C-alpha atoms as a PDB file:
ATOM      1  CA  MET A   1       0.077   0.121  -0.183  1.00  0.00           C
ATOM      2  CA  ASN A   2       1.015   3.860  -0.900  1.00  0.00           C
ATOM      3  CA  ASN A   3       1.767   6.045   1.086  1.00  0.00           C
ATOM      4  CA  LYS A   4      -0.175   8.494   0.358  1.00  0.00           C
ATOM      5  CA  LEU A   5      -3.785   5.550  -0.073  1.00  0.00           C
ATOM      6  CA  LEU A   6      -2.125   4.607   4.037  1.00  0.00           C
ATOM      7  CA  THR A   7      -2.509   7.710   4.655  1.00  0.00           C
ATOM      8  CA  THR A   8      -5.792   8.380   3.528  1.00  0.00           C
ATOM      9  CA  THR A   9      -7.119   4.963   4.814  1.00  0.00           C
ATOM     10  CA  LEU A  10      -5.841   6.266   8.630  1.00  0.00           C
ATOM     11  CA  PHE A  11      -7.359   9.308   8.609  1.00  0.00           C
ATOM     12  CA  LEU A  12     -10.682   8.207   7.654  1.00  0.00           C
ATOM     13  CA  SER A  13     -10.624   4.814  10.091  1.00  0.00           C
ATOM     14  CA  LEU A  14      -9.565   8.155  12.606  1.00  0.00           C
ATOM     15  CA  ALA A  15     -12.894   9.499  11.421  1.00  0.00           C
ATOM     16  CA  THR A  16     -15.287   6.892  11.272  1.00  0.00           C
ATOM     17  CA  GLY A  17     -13.766   6.188  15.276  1.00  0.00           C
ATOM     18  CA  SER A  18     -14.601   9.356  15.943  1.00  0.00           C
ATOM     19  CA  MET A  19     -17.929  10.243  14.062  1.00  0.00           C
ATOM     20  CA  THR A  20     -19.415   6.719  15.988  1.00  0.00           C
ATOM     21  CA  ALA A  21     -18.886   7.830  19.917  1.00  0.00           C
ATOM     22  CA  THR A  22     -21.810   8.410  21.650  1.00  0.00           C
ATOM     23  CA  ALA A  23     -23.430  11.380  22.084  1.00  0.00           C
ATOM     24  CA  ASN A  24     -22.767  11.975  25.627  1.00  0.00           C
ATOM     25  CA  ASP A  25     -19.011  10.750  25.199  1.00  0.00           C
ATOM     26  CA  ALA A  26     -17.655  14.373  24.613  1.00  0.00           C
ATOM     27  CA  LYS A  27     -14.020  13.132  25.878  1.00  0.00           C
ATOM     28  CA  THR A  28     -13.743  11.266  22.679  1.00  0.00           C
ATOM     29  CA  VAL A  29     -13.988  14.192  20.386  1.00  0.00           C
ATOM     30  CA  ASN A  30     -11.321  17.011  20.186  1.00  0.00           C
ATOM     31  CA  PRO A  31     -12.562  19.041  17.403  1.00  0.00           C
ATOM     32  CA  GLU A  32      -8.768  21.066  17.724  1.00  0.00           C
ATOM     33  CA  ALA A  33      -7.045  17.923  16.904  1.00  0.00           C
ATOM     34  CA  ASP A  34      -9.823  16.832  14.052  1.00  0.00           C
ATOM     35  CA  ARG A  35      -8.670  19.756  12.677  1.00  0.00           C
ATOM     36  CA  GLN A  36      -5.219  19.686  12.685  1.00  0.00           C
ATOM     37  CA  ALA A  37      -5.711  15.698  11.711  1.00  0.00           C
ATOM     38  CA  MET A  38      -7.656  16.956   8.790  1.00  0.00           C
ATOM     39  CA  ILE A  39      -5.107  20.180   7.576  1.00  0.00           C
ATOM     40  CA  LYS A  40      -1.813  17.367   8.009  1.00  0.00           C
ATOM     41  CA  TYR A  41      -3.948  15.610   5.668  1.00  0.00           C
ATOM     42  CA  MET A  42      -4.645  18.022   3.464  1.00  0.00           C
ATOM     43  CA  MET A  43      -1.158  19.331   3.334  1.00  0.00           C
ATOM     44  CA  ASP A  44       0.582  15.640   2.874  1.00  0.00           C
ATOM     45  CA  MET A  45      -1.417  15.036  -0.059  1.00  0.00           C
ATOM     46  CA  HIS A  46      -1.900  18.382  -1.793  1.00  0.00           C
ATOM     47  CA  GLY A  47       1.356  20.011  -0.461  1.00  0.00           C
ATOM     48  CA  SER A  48       3.366  19.792  -3.216  1.00  0.00           C
ATOM     49  CA  ASN A  49       1.164  21.254  -5.648  1.00  0.00           C
ATOM     50  CA  LYS A  50       2.010  24.693  -7.396  1.00  0.00           C
ATOM     51  CA  ILE A  51      -0.209  27.835  -8.255  1.00  0.00           C
ATOM     52  CA  ASP A  52       1.800  30.368 -10.118  1.00  0.00           C
ATOM     53  CA  GLY A  53       4.922  28.548  -9.820  1.00  0.00           C
ATOM     54  CA  LYS A  54       4.443  28.701  -6.004  1.00  0.00           C
ATOM     55  CA  PRO A  55       3.898  25.453  -3.816  1.00  0.00           C
ATOM     56  CA  ILE A  56       0.972  26.312  -1.809  1.00  0.00           C
ATOM     57  CA  THR A  57      -0.144  27.524   1.367  1.00  0.00           C
ATOM     58  CA  LEU A  58      -2.529  26.374   3.572  1.00  0.00           C
ATOM     59  CA  ASP A  59      -4.352  29.976   3.033  1.00  0.00           C
ATOM     60  CA  ASP A  60      -4.811  28.610  -0.741  1.00  0.00           C
ATOM     61  CA  PHE A  61      -7.459  26.305   0.137  1.00  0.00           C
ATOM     62  CA  GLY A  62      -9.576  28.597  -0.188  1.00  0.00           C
ATOM     63  CA  HIS A  63      -9.456  28.693  -3.264  1.00  0.00           C
ATOM     64  CA  GLY A  64     -10.717  25.947  -3.525  1.00  0.00           C
ATOM     65  CA  ALA A  65     -10.285  23.115  -6.339  1.00  0.00           C
ATOM     66  CA  LEU A  66      -8.839  25.690  -8.633  1.00  0.00           C
ATOM     67  CA  ILE A  67      -5.525  24.324  -6.504  1.00  0.00           C
ATOM     68  CA  PHE A  68      -5.232  21.837  -8.282  1.00  0.00           C
ATOM     69  CA  SER A  69      -4.983  22.830 -11.445  1.00  0.00           C
ATOM     70  CA  ASP A  70      -2.897  26.319 -12.635  1.00  0.00           C
ATOM     71  CA  ASP A  71      -4.434  26.564 -15.829  1.00  0.00           C
ATOM     72  CA  ALA A  72      -7.972  27.163 -14.303  1.00  0.00           C
ATOM     73  CA  TYR A  73      -6.551  29.581 -10.976  1.00  0.00           C
ATOM     74  CA  GLN A  74      -5.118  31.920 -14.350  1.00  0.00           C
ATOM     75  CA  GLN A  75      -8.567  31.465 -15.987  1.00  0.00           C
ATOM     76  CA  PHE A  76     -10.301  32.446 -12.226  1.00  0.00           C
ATOM     77  CA  LYS A  77      -8.180  35.604 -11.870  1.00  0.00           C
ATOM     78  CA  SER A  78      -8.988  37.018 -15.626  1.00  0.00           C
ATOM     79  CA  VAL A  79     -12.537  36.347 -14.811  1.00  0.00           C
ATOM     80  CA  GLU A  80     -12.333  38.304 -10.835  1.00  0.00           C
ATOM     81  CA  GLU A  81     -10.995  41.250 -12.855  1.00  0.00           C
ATOM     82  CA  PHE A  82     -14.145  42.068 -14.224  1.00  0.00           C
ATOM     83  CA  PRO A  83     -16.207  39.854 -11.664  1.00  0.00           C
ATOM     84  CA  PRO A  84     -20.096  38.552 -13.129  1.00  0.00           C
ATOM     85  CA  TYR A  85     -21.550  38.928  -9.377  1.00  0.00           C
ATOM     86  CA  VAL A  86     -20.639  42.531  -9.219  1.00  0.00           C
ATOM     87  CA  GLU A  87     -24.454  43.914 -10.497  1.00  0.00           C
ATOM     88  CA  HIS A  88     -25.480  41.564  -7.373  1.00  0.00           C
ATOM     89  CA  ILE A  89     -23.373  43.483  -4.977  1.00  0.00           C
ATOM     90  CA  ASP A  90     -25.210  46.403  -6.399  1.00  0.00           C
ATOM     91  CA  GLU A  91     -28.290  44.815  -5.687  1.00  0.00           C
ATOM     92  CA  GLY A  92     -27.140  43.398  -1.881  1.00  0.00           C
ATOM     93  CA  LYS A  93     -25.645  46.977  -0.724  1.00  0.00           C
ATOM     94  CA  LYS A  94     -29.227  48.376  -2.216  1.00  0.00           C
ATOM     95  CA  LEU A  95     -31.373  46.184  -0.465  1.00  0.00           C
ATOM     96  CA  TRP A  96     -28.984  46.474   3.325  1.00  0.00           C
ATOM     97  CA  ASN A  97     -29.408  50.200   3.167  1.00  0.00           C
ATOM     98  CA  LYS A  98     -33.087  50.355   2.014  1.00  0.00           C
ATOM     99  CA  PRO A  99     -35.076  50.953   5.289  1.00  0.00           C
ATOM    100  CA  PHE A 100     -37.953  48.027   6.367  1.00  0.00           C
ATOM    101  CA  ALA A 101     -42.014  49.401   6.862  1.00  0.00           C
ATOM    102  CA  ASN A 102     -41.316  50.809   9.610  1.00  0.00           C
ATOM    103  CA  GLY A 103     -38.371  52.458   9.138  1.00  0.00           C
ATOM    104  CA  LYS A 104     -35.802  50.687  10.268  1.00  0.00           C
ATOM    105  CA  THR A 105     -32.772  49.047   8.345  1.00  0.00           C
ATOM    106  CA  TYR A 106     -30.914  45.227   8.820  1.00  0.00           C
ATOM    107  CA  ASN A 107     -28.120  47.740  10.841  1.00  0.00           C
ATOM    108  CA  THR A 108     -30.296  48.009  14.123  1.00  0.00           C
ATOM    109  CA  CYS A 109     -30.218  44.202  14.826  1.00  0.00           C
ATOM    110  CA  ALA A 110     -28.362  42.758  16.901  1.00  0.00           C
ATOM    111  CA  GLY A 111     -25.829  41.060  15.762  1.00  0.00           C
ATOM    112  CA  LEU A 112     -25.936  42.852  11.834  1.00  0.00           C
ATOM    113  CA  ASN A 113     -24.911  45.535  13.629  1.00  0.00           C
ATOM    114  CA  GLY A 114     -21.739  47.158  13.839  1.00  0.00           C
ATOM    115  CA  ASP A 115     -18.589  46.507  11.826  1.00  0.00           C
ATOM    116  CA  LEU A 116     -19.692  46.108   8.473  1.00  0.00           C
ATOM    117  CA  LYS A 117     -16.201  44.362   7.539  1.00  0.00           C
ATOM    118  CA  LYS A 118     -17.300  41.795  10.453  1.00  0.00           C
ATOM    119  CA  VAL A 119     -20.688  40.394  10.129  1.00  0.00           C
ATOM    120  CA  LYS A 120     -20.051  37.866   7.968  1.00  0.00           C
ATOM    121  CA  ALA A 121     -16.745  36.693   9.874  1.00  0.00           C
ATOM    122  CA  MET A 122     -19.412  36.374  13.184  1.00  0.00           C
ATOM    123  CA  TYR A 123     -21.285  33.319  11.635  1.00  0.00           C
ATOM    124  CA  PRO A 124     -22.104  30.912  12.429  1.00  0.00           C
ATOM    125  CA  TYR A 125     -21.836  30.069  15.851  1.00  0.00           C
ATOM    126  CA  PHE A 126     -23.518  28.094  18.414  1.00  0.00           C
ATOM    127  CA  ASP A 127     -26.381  30.199  20.597  1.00  0.00           C
ATOM    128  CA  ASP A 128     -26.331  28.217  24.497  1.00  0.00           C
ATOM    129  CA  ALA A 129     -29.696  30.347  25.483  1.00  0.00           C
ATOM    130  CA  ARG A 130     -31.482  28.948  22.224  1.00  0.00           C
ATOM    131  CA  GLY A 131     -29.512  25.584  21.739  1.00  0.00           C
ATOM    132  CA  GLU A 132     -28.839  25.850  17.474  1.00  0.00           C
ATOM    133  CA  VAL A 133     -26.327  26.810  15.608  1.00  0.00           C
ATOM    134  CA  ILE A 134     -27.508  30.511  14.001  1.00  0.00           C
ATOM    135  CA  ASN A 135     -25.863  31.279  10.494  1.00  0.00           C
ATOM    136  CA  LEU A 136     -25.863  34.318   8.729  1.00  0.00           C
ATOM    137  CA  GLU A 137     -28.909  33.555   6.600  1.00  0.00           C
ATOM    138  CA  GLN A 138     -30.767  32.923   9.824  1.00  0.00           C
ATOM    139  CA  ALA A 139     -29.409  36.074  11.657  1.00  0.00           C
ATOM    140  CA  ILE A 140     -30.677  37.839   8.292  1.00  0.00           C
ATOM    141  CA  ASN A 141     -34.545  36.494   8.584  1.00  0.00           C
ATOM    142  CA  GLU A 142     -34.402  36.889  11.879  1.00  0.00           C
ATOM    143  CA  CYS A 143     -34.127  40.645  11.735  1.00  0.00           C
ATOM    144  CA  ARG A 144     -36.864  41.062   9.144  1.00  0.00           C
ATOM    145  CA  THR A 145     -39.208  39.509  11.017  1.00  0.00           C
ATOM    146  CA  ALA A 146     -38.214  41.698  14.713  1.00  0.00           C
ATOM    147  CA  ASN A 147     -39.157  44.264  12.265  1.00  0.00           C
ATOM    148  CA  GLY A 148     -42.544  43.151   9.962  1.00  0.00           C
ATOM    149  CA  GLU A 149     -40.984  41.959   7.300  1.00  0.00           C
ATOM    150  CA  LYS A 150     -41.348  38.524   5.511  1.00  0.00           C
ATOM    151  CA  PRO A 151     -38.334  36.319   5.780  1.00  0.00           C
ATOM    152  CA  TYR A 152     -36.555  34.669   2.974  1.00  0.00           C
ATOM    153  CA  ALA A 153     -36.952  31.582   1.749  1.00  0.00           C
ATOM    154  CA  TYR A 154     -32.894  29.269   2.248  1.00  0.00           C
ATOM    155  CA  ALA A 155     -31.234  27.922   0.205  1.00  0.00           C
ATOM    156  CA  GLY A 156     -30.454  29.834  -2.968  1.00  0.00           C
ATOM    157  CA  ARG A 157     -34.503  30.516  -3.163  1.00  0.00           C
ATOM    158  CA  ASP A 158     -34.854  34.276  -2.717  1.00  0.00           C
ATOM    159  CA  LYS A 159     -32.499  36.489  -5.108  1.00  0.00           C
ATOM    160  CA  GLU A 160     -32.627  39.198  -2.384  1.00  0.00           C
ATOM    161  CA  LEU A 161     -31.031  36.503   0.231  1.00  0.00           C
ATOM    162  CA  SER A 162     -28.277  35.603  -2.396  1.00  0.00           C
ATOM    163  CA  ASP A 163     -28.333  39.073  -3.238  1.00  0.00           C
ATOM    164  CA  LEU A 164     -28.028  40.421   0.470  1.00  0.00           C
ATOM    165  CA  LEU A 165     -24.784  37.238   1.611  1.00  0.00           C
ATOM    166  CA  THR A 166     -22.911  38.238  -1.514  1.00  0.00           C
ATOM    167  CA  TYR A 167     -22.679  41.487  -0.755  1.00  0.00           C
ATOM    168  CA  LEU A 168     -21.702  40.968   3.033  1.00  0.00           C
ATOM    169  CA  ALA A 169     -19.318  38.447   1.604  1.00  0.00           C
ATOM    170  CA  ASP A 170     -18.077  40.884  -0.367  1.00  0.00           C
ATOM    171  CA  GLU A 171     -17.495  43.666   3.185  1.00  0.00           C
ATOM    172  CA  SER A 172     -15.453  40.580   4.827  1.00  0.00           C
ATOM    173  CA  ARG A 173     -13.116  39.705   2.350  1.00  0.00           C
ATOM    174  CA  GLY A 174      -9.687  39.587   4.347  1.00  0.00           C
ATOM    175  CA  GLN A 175     -11.057  38.509   7.855  1.00  0.00           C
ATOM    176  CA  LYS A 176     -10.356  35.335   9.727  1.00  0.00           C
ATOM    177  CA  ILE A 177     -12.410  32.444   9.953  1.00  0.00           C
ATOM    178  CA  SER A 178     -12.831  31.668  14.034  1.00  0.00           C
ATOM    179  CA  VAL A 179     -15.575  29.882  14.675  1.00  0.00           C
ATOM    180  CA  LYS A 180     -15.929  28.270  18.220  1.00  0.00           C
ATOM    181  CA  ILE A 181     -16.868  25.041  19.722  1.00  0.00           C
ATOM    182  CA  ASP A 182     -16.509  26.087  23.411  1.00  0.00           C
ATOM    183  CA  SER A 183     -19.417  24.602  24.782  1.00  0.00           C
ATOM    184  CA  PRO A 184     -21.274  21.057  25.612  1.00  0.00           C
ATOM    185  CA  GLY A 185     -23.755  22.946  23.052  1.00  0.00           C
ATOM    186  CA  ALA A 186     -21.566  23.775  20.825  1.00  0.00           C
ATOM    187  CA  LEU A 187     -20.279  20.062  20.941  1.00  0.00           C
ATOM    188  CA  GLU A 188     -22.879  18.718  20.665  1.00  0.00           C
ATOM    189  CA  ALA A 189     -23.253  20.514  17.107  1.00  0.00           C
ATOM    190  CA  TYR A 190     -19.854  20.408  16.226  1.00  0.00           C
ATOM    191  CA  LYS A 191     -20.401  15.630  16.320  1.00  0.00           C
ATOM    192  CA  LEU A 192     -23.886  16.396  14.242  1.00  0.00           C
ATOM    193  CA  GLY A 193     -21.966  18.022  11.436  1.00  0.00           C
ATOM    194  CA  GLU A 194     -19.280  15.688  11.719  1.00  0.00           C
ATOM    195  CA  MET A 195     -21.708  13.170  11.084  1.00  0.00           C
ATOM    196  CA  VAL A 196     -23.653  14.865   8.313  1.00  0.00           C
ATOM    197  CA  PHE A 197     -20.547  15.402   6.712  1.00  0.00           C
ATOM    198  CA  HIS A 198     -19.226  11.822   6.796  1.00  0.00           C
ATOM    199  CA  THR A 199     -22.069   9.710   6.509  1.00  0.00           C
ATOM    200  CA  ARG A 200     -22.532   8.151   3.240  1.00  0.00           C
ATOM    201  CA  ARG A 201     -26.177   8.715   1.511  1.00  0.00           C
ATOM    202  CA  GLY A 202     -28.654   8.682  -1.759  1.00  0.00           C
ATOM    203  CA  GLN A 203     -28.462   5.875  -4.029  1.00  0.00           C
ATOM    204  CA  LEU A 204     -25.218   6.264  -4.934  1.00  0.00           C
ATOM    205  CA  ASN A 205     -24.018   5.055  -1.932  1.00  0.00           C
ATOM    206  CA  GLN A 206     -21.546   8.294  -0.595  1.00  0.00           C
ATOM    207  CA  SER A 207     -20.517  11.437   1.755  1.00  0.00           C
ATOM    208  CA  CYS A 208     -19.269  14.800   1.278  1.00  0.00           C
ATOM    209  CA  ALA A 209     -16.039  13.224   2.728  1.00  0.00           C
ATOM    210  CA  ASN A 210     -15.547  10.612  -0.060  1.00  0.00           C
ATOM    211  CA  CYS A 211     -15.895  13.091  -2.666  1.00  0.00           C
ATOM    212  CA  HIS A 212     -13.751  15.965  -1.093  1.00  0.00           C
ATOM    213  CA  VAL A 213     -11.676  14.702   1.420  1.00  0.00           C
ATOM    214  CA  SER A 214     -10.632  11.241   0.157  1.00  0.00           C
ATOM    215  CA  SER A 215     -11.479  11.994  -3.253  1.00  0.00           C
ATOM    216  CA  ALA A 216     -10.393  15.794  -3.490  1.00  0.00           C
ATOM    217  CA  GLY A 217      -8.329  16.895  -7.146  1.00  0.00           C
ATOM    218  CA  ARG A 218     -10.057  13.738  -8.671  1.00  0.00           C
ATOM    219  CA  LYS A 219     -12.685  14.619 -11.354  1.00  0.00           C
ATOM    220  CA  ILE A 220     -15.848  13.656 -11.536  1.00  0.00           C
ATOM    221  CA  ARG A 221     -17.054  13.816 -15.338  1.00  0.00           C
ATOM    222  CA  SER A 222     -15.331  17.022 -16.108  1.00  0.00           C
ATOM    223  CA  GLU A 223     -15.524  19.262 -13.040  1.00  0.00           C
ATOM    224  CA  ILE A 224     -12.144  18.664 -10.193  1.00  0.00           C
ATOM    225  CA  LEU A 225     -13.890  17.670  -6.534  1.00  0.00           C
ATOM    226  CA  SER A 226     -12.288  20.987  -4.325  1.00  0.00           C
ATOM    227  CA  PRO A 227     -10.976  19.966  -0.858  1.00  0.00           C
ATOM    228  CA  MET A 228     -13.079  20.328   1.829  1.00  0.00           C
ATOM    229  CA  LEU A 229     -11.017  22.653   3.566  1.00  0.00           C
ATOM    230  CA  GLY A 230     -11.725  25.949   2.560  1.00  0.00           C
ATOM    231  CA  HIS A 231     -14.945  25.437   1.140  1.00  0.00           C
ATOM    232  CA  VAL A 232     -16.743  27.956   3.441  1.00  0.00           C
ATOM    233  CA  THR A 233     -14.216  30.612   2.607  1.00  0.00           C
ATOM    234  CA  HIS A 234     -15.622  31.667  -0.775  1.00  0.00           C
ATOM    235  CA  PHE A 235     -19.055  31.372  -0.041  1.00  0.00           C
ATOM    236  CA  PRO A 236     -21.718  32.846  -2.109  1.00  0.00           C
ATOM    237  CA  VAL A 237     -20.075  31.925  -5.507  1.00  0.00           C
ATOM    238  CA  TYR A 238     -21.213  33.033  -8.938  1.00  0.00           C
ATOM    239  CA  ARG A 239     -21.530  29.507 -10.649  1.00  0.00           C
ATOM    240  CA  ALA A 240     -21.153  30.018 -14.923  1.00  0.00           C
ATOM    241  CA  SER A 241     -22.765  26.688 -14.974  1.00  0.00           C
ATOM    242  CA  ALA A 242     -26.061  27.347 -13.181  1.00  0.00           C
ATOM    243  CA  GLY A 243     -25.535  31.669 -15.041  1.00  0.00           C
ATOM    244  CA  ASN A 244     -26.103  32.733 -11.148  1.00  0.00           C
ATOM    245  CA  ILE A 245     -25.458  33.341  -7.462  1.00  0.00           C
ATOM    246  CA  VAL A 246     -25.001  29.256  -5.491  1.00  0.00           C
ATOM    247  CA  THR A 247     -25.083  30.099  -1.476  1.00  0.00           C
ATOM    248  CA  LEU A 248     -23.738  27.590   0.473  1.00  0.00           C
ATOM    249  CA  GLN A 249     -27.034  25.850   1.837  1.00  0.00           C
ATOM    250  CA  GLN A 250     -27.392  25.734  -1.733  1.00  0.00           C
ATOM    251  CA  ARG A 251     -24.989  23.847  -2.678  1.00  0.00           C
ATOM    252  CA  TYR A 252     -25.341  21.240   0.458  1.00  0.00           C
ATOM    253  CA  VAL A 253     -28.883  20.987  -0.827  1.00  0.00           C
ATOM    254  CA  GLY A 254     -27.470  20.182  -4.549  1.00  0.00           C
ATOM    255  CA  CYS A 255     -24.318  18.093  -3.279  1.00  0.00           C
ATOM    256  CA  ILE A 256     -26.748  15.001  -1.532  1.00  0.00           C
ATOM    257  CA  GLU A 257     -29.389  15.915  -4.860  1.00  0.00           C
ATOM    258  CA  SER A 258     -26.197  14.981  -7.045  1.00  0.00           C
ATOM    259  CA  VAL A 259     -25.987  11.396  -5.359  1.00  0.00           C
ATOM    260  CA  ARG A 260     -29.192  10.772  -5.630  1.00  0.00           C
ATOM    261  CA  GLY A 261     -30.434  11.277  -2.101  1.00  0.00           C
ATOM    262  CA  PHE A 262     -33.177  13.596   0.355  1.00  0.00           C
ATOM    263  CA  PRO A 263     -32.098  16.864   0.894  1.00  0.00           C
ATOM    264  CA  PHE A 264     -32.930  17.612   4.830  1.00  0.00           C
ATOM    265  CA  PRO A 265     -34.341  20.614   5.560  1.00  0.00           C
ATOM    266  CA  ALA A 266     -33.086  23.835   3.784  1.00  0.00           C
ATOM    267  CA  ASN A 267     -31.005  25.669   6.017  1.00  0.00           C
ATOM    268  CA  GLY A 268     -32.374  23.155   9.467  1.00  0.00           C
ATOM    269  CA  LYS A 269     -30.418  22.196  11.746  1.00  0.00           C
ATOM    270  CA  GLU A 270     -28.602  19.196   9.907  1.00  0.00           C
ATOM    271  CA  PHE A 271     -27.105  21.559   7.312  1.00  0.00           C
ATOM    272  CA  LYS A 272     -26.384  24.302  10.180  1.00  0.00           C
ATOM    273  CA  ALA A 273     -24.453  21.713  11.377  1.00  0.00           C
ATOM    274  CA  LEU A 274     -22.196  21.162   8.794  1.00  0.00           C
ATOM    275  CA  GLU A 275     -21.692  24.408   8.010  1.00  0.00           C
ATOM    276  CA  LEU A 276     -20.441  25.145  11.908  1.00  0.00           C
ATOM    277  CA  TYR A 277     -18.211  21.936  11.320  1.00  0.00           C
ATOM    278  CA  GLU A 278     -16.990  22.820   7.830  1.00  0.00           C
ATOM    279  CA  SER A 279     -16.507  26.229   9.186  1.00  0.00           C
ATOM    280  CA  TYR A 280     -14.699  24.867  12.068  1.00  0.00           C
ATOM    281  CA  MET A 281     -12.046  22.822   9.951  1.00  0.00           C
ATOM    282  CA  SER A 282     -11.456  26.413   7.951  1.00  0.00           C
ATOM    283  CA  ASN A 283     -10.287  27.866  10.917  1.00  0.00           C
ATOM    284  CA  GLY A 284      -7.481  30.506  10.743  1.00  0.00           C
ATOM    285  CA  LEU A 285      -8.652  30.397   6.926  1.00  0.00           C
ATOM    286  CA  THR A 286      -8.937  34.065   4.818  1.00  0.00           C
ATOM    287  CA  LEU A 287     -12.321  34.864   3.824  1.00  0.00           C
ATOM    288  CA  ASN A 288     -12.214  35.915  -0.036  1.00  0.00           C
ATOM    289  CA  GLY A 289     -15.688  35.687  -1.200  1.00  0.00           C
ATOM    290  CA  PRO A 290     -17.407  35.859  -3.792  1.00  0.00           C
ATOM    291  CA  ALA A 291     -16.008  34.155  -6.278  1.00  0.00           C
ATOM    292  CA  TYR A 292     -16.798  33.528  -9.461  1.00  0.00           C
ATOM    293  CA  ARG A 293     -16.880  28.661 -10.149  1.00  0.00           C
ATOM    294  CA  LYS A 294     -16.798  27.649 -13.684  1.00  0.00           C
END
C-alpha cells in the first residue's frame, strides 16, 4: 500500500471512529485535534501542488478546486478582474440600506450591527441560550421578522437573500474564520455536523468526505472535486454553469441531490451543523468570497 493510500485509510478510520462515539461521550471528540489532523492530511496529500509557480499554502485551500489546476486558477484570476457577481453585490448593498416599512434597517439588529466588515465573520456560531446554531441567513431572516417583514426562502430560493449574502461576503473579504466550539451544546452541534459530513447517503452511497477528503483533486465527469478545507471561505459563488449566485446552503442541497439522496430541510439543524463543522475545520483561513466558479 502506498503512503498516500495508507494516509487516506488511517485518516478515514480515525474519522469513522470519532463519528461512532456516543452522544454523551464528549471526551472522545476533540475538534481541534480533528482540525489539525485534517490540515496535516490535506497538506501531505496536496502541499506539493503549485499555483502561480509557487507551492500552495494552507490559506490557498480557500481557492477550492482551483489549487489542482494552475490553468483554471489563471482563468479565475482573469475573470475576477471584471467579476460577473458585481451586480449582485450592488443589489445586496441597496437591500441592506433600504429601510423596512417601520423605517429601520438591517444594521439596527443585534448581530448585524457594528463593523460591517466583521458581520459575515461572526457566523456561524452556537447560541447556548437558544440551543441552536445561528448562521448569517437565519440572522437576516430574524431581523426581518422582528421588524414586521416576511422572511426569505432559504438555500438559494430567494434572489434577495442571495444578493444580501453576496454583499456581506464582499464586505468581509480578508477577515479570518474563527469559529468557537466552547460549550457542550456547541460540541454536540459539531458532532452532528461531522456525522452529516461523513455519512454515506443516496443511491450512489456517497458521503461528503468521499468526494472532498479522500477524492479531492480527482475528477467526477469534467469537474475537479474540491478539498473540504476552505469550502466555506468563498461562498456565495457565481457559478457560470448556473448563470447565477449559489449559496453555501444551496450547494449542500445540490450535493445531496447529486448522489440521488433526499436533502435535509433547507437551513435546518443538520445543514447548519454541517456549516459549523466545516467552518471550524477551516479556522484561520481567509474569507475571499464572493468568488467565480465554472
